[in-house]
Amino acid sequence: MTNTPKSLSNPILLIPARLQAARLPGKPLADIAGTPMIVHVWKRASEARLGRVVVAAAEQEIIDVIKAAGGEAVLTDANLATGSDRIYQALTKLDAEGKHDAIINVQGDVPTLESKYIRTAYETLQKSDADIATLITPITSEADINASQIVKAVVELPEGAQTGRAHYFTRVAAPSGAGPYYCHVGLYAYRRGALEAFVKAPRSTLEKREGLEQLRALAIGLRIDASVIDTLPLGVDTPEDLEKARQTLGGKK
């Protein structure tokens, strides 16, 4: 987006959340080990200790739960199409003066996310010329390589490097040839101008074809860097995922 990006010093962590999920309605408030899922995510984001953490909620019920836990939340339009749109609207409400120069989008349905990975995304953005930073993790299962629900990231990783430039994201096995495959982990750190440019751009042809909004960023010339992390955090999309999260977090103090 720019040849000389400014250094970053004042990030904000925004967590989009809405109750109307097709496969698991009401999931932000789903109980996991005695705590609503969205509160688990808010806690992980707070533990990253990077800055202000705010839940961008589509409904008042989510705000009430976060405030009861001691957190901050802001109400956004329930009809917004994506989490990216939701965090941008929240940002304009919370920070019209433009004080926050980096925005970290932490998905509200990943209660097992480790706070160190949030820091990794932000540090990747800080140390690079990228407009957006994200995360990837190696795919170890042959079935996952060919599974359309597993998004593959095509990233230029020099020998021994843990961070590289992302060239494409797809639902099919890519790239071809011998070598590792990487799963995209949907956590993003944006430079403020990049987030604004992204949400204001029309949906791209490949975005619509693949069903992956990060392709819009590449289509308008934004640079995305990706860092490798060890494990894939469990996202909760189905009742089965929710049960796995309960088993994972139920045994942790």
Protein backbone atom coordinates (compact mmCIF):
# COMPACT_ATOMS: atom_id res chain seq x y z
CA MET A 1 0.00 0.00 0.00
CA THR A 2 2.91 2.32 0.73
CA ASN A 3 6.66 2.12 0.19
CA THR A 4 7.48 3.68 3.53
CA PRO A 5 4.97 2.49 6.15
CA LYS A 6 5.05 4.32 9.44
CA SER A 7 6.07 2.50 12.60
CA LEU A 8 3.20 1.28 14.75
CA SER A 9 2.71 2.21 18.38
CA ASN A 10 -0.96 2.20 19.33
CA PRO A 11 -2.86 -0.98 18.39
CA ILE A 12 -6.47 -1.78 19.24
CA LEU A 13 -7.84 -5.33 19.39
CA LEU A 14 -11.37 -5.69 18.04
CA ILE A 15 -13.47 -8.85 18.35
CA PRO A 16 -16.48 -9.07 16.01
CA ALA A 17 -19.42 -11.08 17.39
CA ARG A 18 -23.02 -11.71 16.40
CA LEU A 19 -25.69 -14.13 17.56
CA GLN A 20 -27.08 -15.00 14.11
CA ALA A 21 -24.79 -17.83 13.00
CA ALA A 22 -26.22 -20.25 10.43
CA ARG A 23 -24.83 -23.48 11.86
CA LEU A 24 -24.72 -22.56 15.54
CA PRO A 25 -27.11 -19.72 16.44
CA GLY A 26 -26.20 -17.79 19.59
CA LYS A 27 -22.67 -19.19 19.70
CA PRO A 28 -20.97 -16.11 21.28
CA LEU A 29 -23.02 -16.79 24.42
CA ALA A 30 -22.54 -20.57 24.37
CA ASP A 31 -21.37 -21.84 27.75
CA ILE A 32 -17.83 -23.25 27.88
CA ALA A 33 -16.63 -24.33 31.32
CA GLY A 34 -19.06 -21.93 32.98
CA THR A 35 -18.13 -18.91 30.86
CA PRO A 36 -19.67 -17.57 27.62
CA MET A 37 -17.47 -18.23 24.60
CA ILE A 38 -17.08 -14.54 23.76
CA VAL A 39 -15.70 -13.90 27.25
CA HIS A 40 -13.07 -16.60 26.73
CA VAL A 41 -11.99 -14.84 23.53
CA TRP A 42 -11.99 -11.42 25.22
CA LYS A 43 -9.77 -12.82 27.98
CA ARG A 44 -7.27 -14.27 25.48
CA ALA A 45 -7.11 -10.93 23.66
CA SER A 46 -6.61 -9.07 26.95
CA GLU A 47 -3.83 -11.46 27.96
CA ALA A 48 -1.89 -10.44 24.83
CA ARG A 49 -1.30 -7.09 26.59
CA LEU A 50 -1.03 -5.15 23.36
CA GLY A 51 -3.58 -2.44 24.05
CA ARG A 52 -7.26 -1.66 24.22
CA VAL A 53 -9.59 -4.64 23.66
CA VAL A 54 -13.18 -4.08 22.49
CA VAL A 55 -15.89 -6.49 21.39
CA ALA A 56 -17.74 -5.23 18.30
CA ALA A 57 -21.17 -6.70 18.97
CA ALA A 58 -24.21 -7.00 16.75
CA GLU A 59 -26.57 -7.39 19.71
CA GLN A 60 -27.01 -5.85 23.14
CA GLU A 61 -26.94 -9.28 24.81
CA ILE A 62 -23.28 -9.69 23.87
CA ILE A 63 -22.45 -6.24 25.21
CA ASP A 64 -24.14 -7.02 28.53
CA VAL A 65 -22.12 -10.23 28.95
CA ILE A 66 -18.79 -8.52 28.17
CA LYS A 67 -19.50 -5.60 30.48
CA ALA A 68 -20.46 -8.01 33.28
CA ALA A 69 -17.03 -9.62 32.84
CA GLY A 70 -15.35 -6.23 33.13
CA GLY A 71 -14.71 -5.68 29.43
CA GLU A 72 -15.53 -3.03 26.84
CA ALA A 73 -17.98 -3.49 23.96
CA VAL A 74 -19.63 -1.36 21.30
CA LEU A 75 -22.88 -1.94 19.42
CA THR A 76 -22.65 -2.25 15.62
CA ASP A 77 -25.20 -2.69 12.85
CA ALA A 78 -26.60 -6.22 13.03
CA ASN A 79 -26.91 -6.36 9.23
CA LEU A 80 -23.23 -5.90 8.40
CA ALA A 81 -22.03 -8.59 6.00
CA THR A 82 -18.65 -9.52 7.49
CA GLY A 83 -16.54 -9.33 10.62
CA SER A 84 -14.21 -6.93 8.80
CA ASP A 85 -17.10 -4.54 8.19
CA ARG A 86 -18.06 -4.88 11.84
CA ILE A 87 -14.65 -4.01 13.25
CA TYR A 88 -14.31 -1.06 10.88
CA GLN A 89 -17.65 0.37 12.00
CA ALA A 90 -16.62 -0.17 15.61
CA LEU A 91 -13.31 1.59 14.96
CA THR A 92 -15.04 4.65 13.49
CA LYS A 93 -17.27 4.85 16.57
CA LEU A 94 -14.48 4.31 19.09
CA ASP A 95 -11.67 6.28 17.50
CA ALA A 96 -12.87 8.94 15.07
CA GLU A 97 -9.64 10.89 15.74
CA GLY A 98 -7.49 8.11 14.27
CA LYS A 99 -5.29 7.54 17.32
CA HIS A 100 -5.07 3.77 16.85
CA ASP A 101 -2.66 3.02 14.00
CA ALA A 102 -3.05 -0.76 13.97
CA ILE A 103 -6.16 -2.91 14.25
CA ILE A 104 -6.04 -6.56 15.25
CA ASN A 105 -9.10 -8.55 14.24
CA VAL A 106 -9.55 -11.44 16.68
CA GLN A 107 -12.38 -13.73 15.62
CA GLY A 108 -15.03 -14.14 18.29
CA ASP A 109 -15.45 -17.88 17.81
CA VAL A 110 -11.91 -19.09 18.61
CA PRO A 111 -11.97 -19.58 22.39
CA THR A 112 -8.82 -21.75 22.42
CA LEU A 113 -6.67 -19.09 20.74
CA GLU A 114 -3.44 -18.52 22.64
CA SER A 115 -2.60 -14.90 23.36
CA LYS A 116 0.98 -15.38 22.11
CA TYR A 117 -0.36 -15.86 18.60
CA ILE A 118 -2.14 -12.51 18.74
CA ARG A 119 1.21 -10.95 19.60
CA THR A 120 2.83 -12.84 16.72
CA ALA A 121 0.43 -11.29 14.21
CA TYR A 122 1.04 -7.78 15.52
CA GLU A 123 4.82 -8.24 15.65
CA THR A 124 4.77 -9.53 12.07
CA LEU A 125 3.09 -6.31 10.97
CA GLN A 126 5.44 -4.17 13.05
CA LYS A 127 8.58 -5.70 11.61
CA SER A 128 7.58 -5.68 7.95
CA ASP A 129 6.50 -3.44 5.11
CA ALA A 130 3.20 -5.33 4.92
CA ASP A 131 -0.23 -3.72 5.00
CA ILE A 132 -1.78 -6.75 6.69
CA ALA A 133 -0.31 -9.58 8.76
CA THR A 134 -1.85 -12.97 9.38
CA LEU A 135 -0.93 -16.48 10.55
CA ILE A 136 -0.46 -19.92 9.00
CA THR A 137 0.21 -23.38 10.37
CA PRO A 138 1.51 -26.55 8.64
CA ILE A 139 -1.08 -29.05 7.42
CA THR A 140 -0.16 -32.56 8.53
CA SER A 141 -3.20 -34.51 7.33
CA GLU A 142 -3.67 -35.63 3.73
CA ALA A 143 -7.42 -35.29 4.21
CA ASP A 144 -7.04 -31.66 5.31
CA ILE A 145 -4.92 -30.85 2.26
CA ASN A 146 -7.86 -31.76 0.05
CA ALA A 147 -10.66 -30.47 2.32
CA SER A 148 -12.40 -27.39 0.94
CA GLN A 149 -13.18 -26.05 4.44
CA ILE A 150 -9.43 -25.86 5.14
CA VAL A 151 -8.12 -22.68 3.52
CA LYS A 152 -4.66 -23.12 2.08
CA ALA A 153 -2.22 -20.19 2.06
CA VAL A 154 0.34 -19.93 -0.73
CA VAL A 155 3.23 -18.13 0.95
CA GLU A 156 6.77 -17.45 -0.23
CA LEU A 157 8.85 -18.77 2.68
CA PRO A 158 12.62 -18.64 2.18
CA GLU A 159 14.63 -21.54 3.55
CA GLY A 160 14.37 -21.56 7.35
CA ALA A 161 12.12 -18.50 7.48
CA GLN A 162 9.02 -18.34 9.66
CA THR A 163 7.48 -15.31 7.92
CA GLY A 164 6.82 -14.74 4.24
CA ARG A 165 4.68 -12.90 1.74
CA ALA A 166 1.29 -14.39 0.93
CA HIS A 167 0.53 -14.63 -2.78
CA TYR A 168 -2.82 -16.44 -2.72
CA PHE A 169 -5.41 -18.21 -0.58
CA THR A 170 -7.52 -21.08 -1.86
CA ARG A 171 -9.74 -24.00 -0.89
CA VAL A 172 -7.92 -26.49 -3.12
CA ALA A 173 -4.52 -28.11 -2.55
CA ALA A 174 -1.88 -25.52 -3.48
CA PRO A 175 0.85 -24.98 -4.47
CA SER A 176 1.73 -27.98 -6.62
CA GLY A 177 5.00 -29.87 -6.36
CA ALA A 178 6.92 -31.21 -3.39
CA GLY A 179 6.83 -29.24 -0.16
CA PRO A 180 4.66 -28.33 2.81
CA TYR A 181 1.10 -27.05 2.74
CA TYR A 182 -0.08 -24.34 5.09
CA CYS A 183 -3.49 -23.72 6.60
CA HIS A 184 -4.57 -20.10 6.96
CA VAL A 185 -5.43 -19.02 10.49
CA GLY A 186 -8.03 -16.27 10.28
CA LEU A 187 -6.50 -13.66 12.55
CA TYR A 188 -5.46 -10.34 11.00
CA ALA A 189 -3.43 -7.30 11.99
CA TYR A 190 -4.06 -4.28 9.76
CA ARG A 191 -2.45 -0.93 9.32
CA ARG A 192 -5.31 1.50 9.74
CA GLY A 193 -5.24 2.74 6.17
CA ALA A 194 -5.18 -0.81 4.86
CA LEU A 195 -8.31 -1.76 6.79
CA GLU A 196 -10.14 1.29 5.47
CA ALA A 197 -9.07 0.59 1.88
CA PHE A 198 -10.07 -3.04 2.21
CA VAL A 199 -13.59 -2.56 3.57
CA LYS A 200 -14.35 0.24 1.08
CA ALA A 201 -13.24 -1.78 -1.95
CA PRO A 202 -15.81 -3.78 -3.93
CA ARG A 203 -15.73 -7.56 -3.67
CA SER A 204 -13.24 -8.96 -6.15
CA THR A 205 -13.90 -11.65 -8.74
CA LEU A 206 -11.68 -14.23 -7.05
CA GLU A 207 -13.07 -13.35 -3.63
CA LYS A 208 -16.54 -14.24 -4.85
CA ARG A 209 -15.31 -17.36 -6.64
CA GLU A 210 -13.36 -18.79 -3.68
CA GLY A 211 -15.53 -17.31 -0.94
CA LEU A 212 -12.45 -15.78 0.72
CA GLU A 213 -12.46 -12.07 1.49
CA GLN A 214 -8.68 -11.83 1.94
CA LEU A 215 -8.41 -12.17 -1.85
CA ARG A 216 -9.97 -8.70 -2.11
CA ALA A 217 -6.97 -7.30 -0.25
CA LEU A 218 -4.58 -8.92 -2.71
CA ALA A 219 -6.70 -7.74 -5.64
CA ILE A 220 -6.36 -4.08 -4.64
CA GLY A 221 -2.61 -4.41 -4.15
CA LEU A 222 -2.33 -4.75 -0.40
CA ARG A 223 0.61 -6.80 0.83
CA ILE A 224 -0.14 -9.61 3.27
CA ASP A 225 2.66 -11.22 5.29
CA ALA A 226 2.08 -14.49 7.15
CA SER A 227 3.93 -16.02 10.09
CA VAL A 228 4.03 -19.71 10.92
CA ILE A 229 2.60 -20.85 14.26
CA ASP A 230 2.69 -24.33 15.80
CA THR A 231 -0.96 -25.27 16.07
CA LEU A 232 -4.34 -24.51 14.53
CA PRO A 233 -6.65 -22.91 17.12
CA LEU A 234 -10.07 -24.54 17.27
CA GLY A 235 -12.77 -22.43 15.67
CA VAL A 236 -16.34 -23.10 16.79
CA ASP A 237 -18.75 -23.39 13.87
CA THR A 238 -20.80 -26.47 14.73
CA PRO A 239 -22.19 -28.23 17.83
CA GLU A 240 -19.35 -30.74 17.45
CA ASP A 241 -16.77 -27.94 17.55
CA LEU A 242 -18.43 -26.52 20.65
CA GLU A 243 -18.16 -29.87 22.41
CA LYS A 244 -14.47 -30.07 21.52
CA ALA A 245 -13.93 -26.58 22.95
CA ARG A 246 -15.72 -27.59 26.14
CA GLN A 247 -13.48 -30.63 26.48
CA THR A 248 -10.35 -28.57 25.80
CA LEU A 249 -11.13 -25.68 28.14
CA GLY A 250 -13.06 -27.62 30.74
CA GLY A 251 -9.88 -29.18 32.08
CA LYS A 252 -7.96 -25.88 32.30
CA LYS A 253 -7.99 -23.66 35.36
